[in-house]
């Protein structure tokens, strides 16, 4: 004789789907962090190349006025680049976070739906 507990199958299915959502979310987060690491490495490489070129350019100047002009230009470009890269990293981070949380948000919505239908 078997006893069937009402709603037990739904409870087990809910747990399984929640576990799958956590795995999917973790996988998406790991891939996203990998993308962030690659973007960071690319930025560091470009920054090192720009710094090398800037030092060479500064050593090539002939007058103090030329040095001041070049230094101002390099500083402005550096700040603009940092702001642009900061925006890119913020957008990429937001994208990674949104993608990683999507499976969990779907499970929360499913649970809320289940509660509403059970009530």
Protein backbone atom coordinates (compact mmCIF):
# COMPACT_ATOMS: atom_id res chain seq x y z
CA UNK A 1 0.00 0.00 0.00
CA UNK A 2 1.40 3.39 -0.93
CA UNK A 3 0.40 6.67 0.55
CA UNK A 4 0.34 9.67 -1.67
CA UNK A 5 1.00 12.93 0.10
CA UNK A 6 -0.84 15.68 -1.68
CA UNK A 7 1.55 18.19 -3.15
CA UNK A 8 4.67 16.14 -2.33
CA UNK A 9 5.51 15.65 -6.01
CA UNK A 10 5.17 19.39 -6.54
CA UNK A 11 7.47 20.01 -3.59
CA UNK A 12 10.10 17.59 -4.94
CA UNK A 13 9.83 19.06 -8.44
CA UNK A 14 10.17 22.56 -7.01
CA UNK A 15 13.35 21.56 -5.17
CA UNK A 16 14.82 19.98 -8.29
CA UNK A 17 14.01 23.01 -10.43
CA UNK A 18 15.49 25.31 -7.78
CA UNK A 19 18.71 23.28 -7.74
CA UNK A 20 18.89 23.42 -11.54
CA UNK A 21 18.37 27.18 -11.43
CA UNK A 22 21.23 27.58 -8.93
CA UNK A 23 23.54 25.52 -11.15
CA UNK A 24 22.56 27.53 -14.23
CA UNK A 25 23.00 30.80 -12.36
CA UNK A 26 26.43 29.74 -11.09
CA UNK A 27 27.49 28.70 -14.59
CA UNK A 28 26.39 32.04 -16.05
CA UNK A 29 28.18 33.91 -13.25
CA UNK A 30 31.41 31.98 -13.87
CA UNK A 31 31.27 32.70 -17.60
CA UNK A 32 30.56 36.35 -16.85
CA UNK A 33 33.51 36.64 -14.49
CA UNK A 34 35.65 35.08 -17.19
CA UNK A 35 34.49 37.79 -19.62
CA UNK A 36 35.27 40.45 -17.02
CA UNK A 37 38.76 39.01 -16.48
CA UNK A 38 39.43 38.99 -20.24
CA UNK A 39 38.24 42.58 -20.59
CA UNK A 40 40.38 43.61 -17.64
CA UNK A 41 43.46 41.94 -19.12
CA UNK A 42 42.86 43.60 -22.47
CA UNK A 43 42.53 47.00 -20.77
CA UNK A 44 45.75 46.46 -18.82
CA UNK A 45 47.62 45.47 -21.98
CA UNK A 46 46.41 48.55 -23.87
CA UNK A 47 47.17 50.78 -20.87
CA UNK A 48 50.73 49.48 -20.64
CA UNK A 49 51.25 50.11 -24.35
CA UNK A 50 49.86 53.64 -24.04
CA UNK A 51 52.04 54.35 -21.00
CA UNK A 52 55.13 53.17 -22.87
CA UNK A 53 54.28 55.38 -25.84
CA UNK A 54 53.60 58.33 -23.52
CA UNK A 55 56.96 58.01 -21.78
CA UNK A 56 58.76 57.82 -25.13
CA UNK A 57 56.86 60.87 -26.37
CA UNK A 58 57.68 62.85 -23.22
CA UNK A 59 61.38 62.05 -23.51
CA UNK A 60 61.32 63.21 -27.14
CA UNK A 61 60.14 66.76 -26.45
CA UNK A 62 62.54 69.63 -27.00
CA UNK A 63 61.09 72.51 -24.96
CA UNK A 64 59.35 72.95 -21.62
CA UNK A 65 56.28 74.35 -23.38
CA UNK A 66 56.09 71.31 -25.64
CA UNK A 67 56.46 69.09 -22.56
CA UNK A 68 53.61 70.89 -20.74
CA UNK A 69 51.32 70.68 -23.78
CA UNK A 70 52.03 67.00 -24.27
CA UNK A 71 51.64 66.23 -20.59
CA UNK A 72 48.24 67.99 -20.53
CA UNK A 73 47.12 66.11 -23.63
CA UNK A 74 48.24 62.76 -22.21
CA UNK A 75 46.52 63.43 -18.87
CA UNK A 76 43.26 64.39 -20.60
CA UNK A 77 43.38 61.26 -22.79
CA UNK A 78 44.14 59.12 -19.75
CA UNK A 79 41.15 60.45 -17.80
CA UNK A 80 38.83 60.09 -20.80
CA UNK A 81 40.02 56.53 -21.35
CA UNK A 82 39.54 55.64 -17.68
CA UNK A 83 35.99 57.00 -17.73
CA UNK A 84 35.12 55.15 -20.94
CA UNK A 85 36.60 51.89 -19.66
CA UNK A 86 34.82 52.34 -16.33
CA UNK A 87 31.52 52.65 -18.17
CA UNK A 88 32.28 49.53 -20.22
CA UNK A 89 33.14 47.55 -17.10
CA UNK A 90 30.01 48.79 -15.33
CA UNK A 91 27.82 47.78 -18.29
CA UNK A 92 29.50 44.39 -18.58
CA UNK A 93 29.18 43.82 -14.82
CA UNK A 94 25.49 44.74 -14.95
CA UNK A 95 24.99 42.38 -17.88
CA UNK A 96 26.73 39.53 -16.03
CA UNK A 97 24.70 40.14 -12.88
CA UNK A 98 21.41 40.31 -14.78
CA UNK A 99 22.15 37.08 -16.67
CA UNK A 100 23.26 35.25 -13.53
CA UNK A 101 20.20 36.28 -11.54
CA UNK A 102 17.66 35.53 -14.30
CA UNK A 103 17.29 31.80 -13.50
CA UNK A 104 16.87 32.58 -9.79
CA UNK A 105 14.33 35.31 -10.50
CA UNK A 106 12.37 32.85 -12.64
CA UNK A 107 12.29 30.38 -9.73
CA UNK A 108 11.07 33.08 -7.33
CA UNK A 109 8.30 33.94 -9.79
CA UNK A 110 7.39 30.27 -10.15
CA UNK A 111 7.26 29.86 -6.38
CA UNK A 112 5.06 32.94 -6.01
CA UNK A 113 2.75 31.56 -8.68
CA UNK A 114 2.61 28.22 -6.87
CA UNK A 115 1.73 29.95 -3.59
CA UNK A 116 -1.04 31.96 -5.28
CA UNK A 117 -2.59 28.85 -6.84
CA UNK A 118 -2.34 26.93 -3.55
CA UNK A 119 -4.09 29.70 -1.61
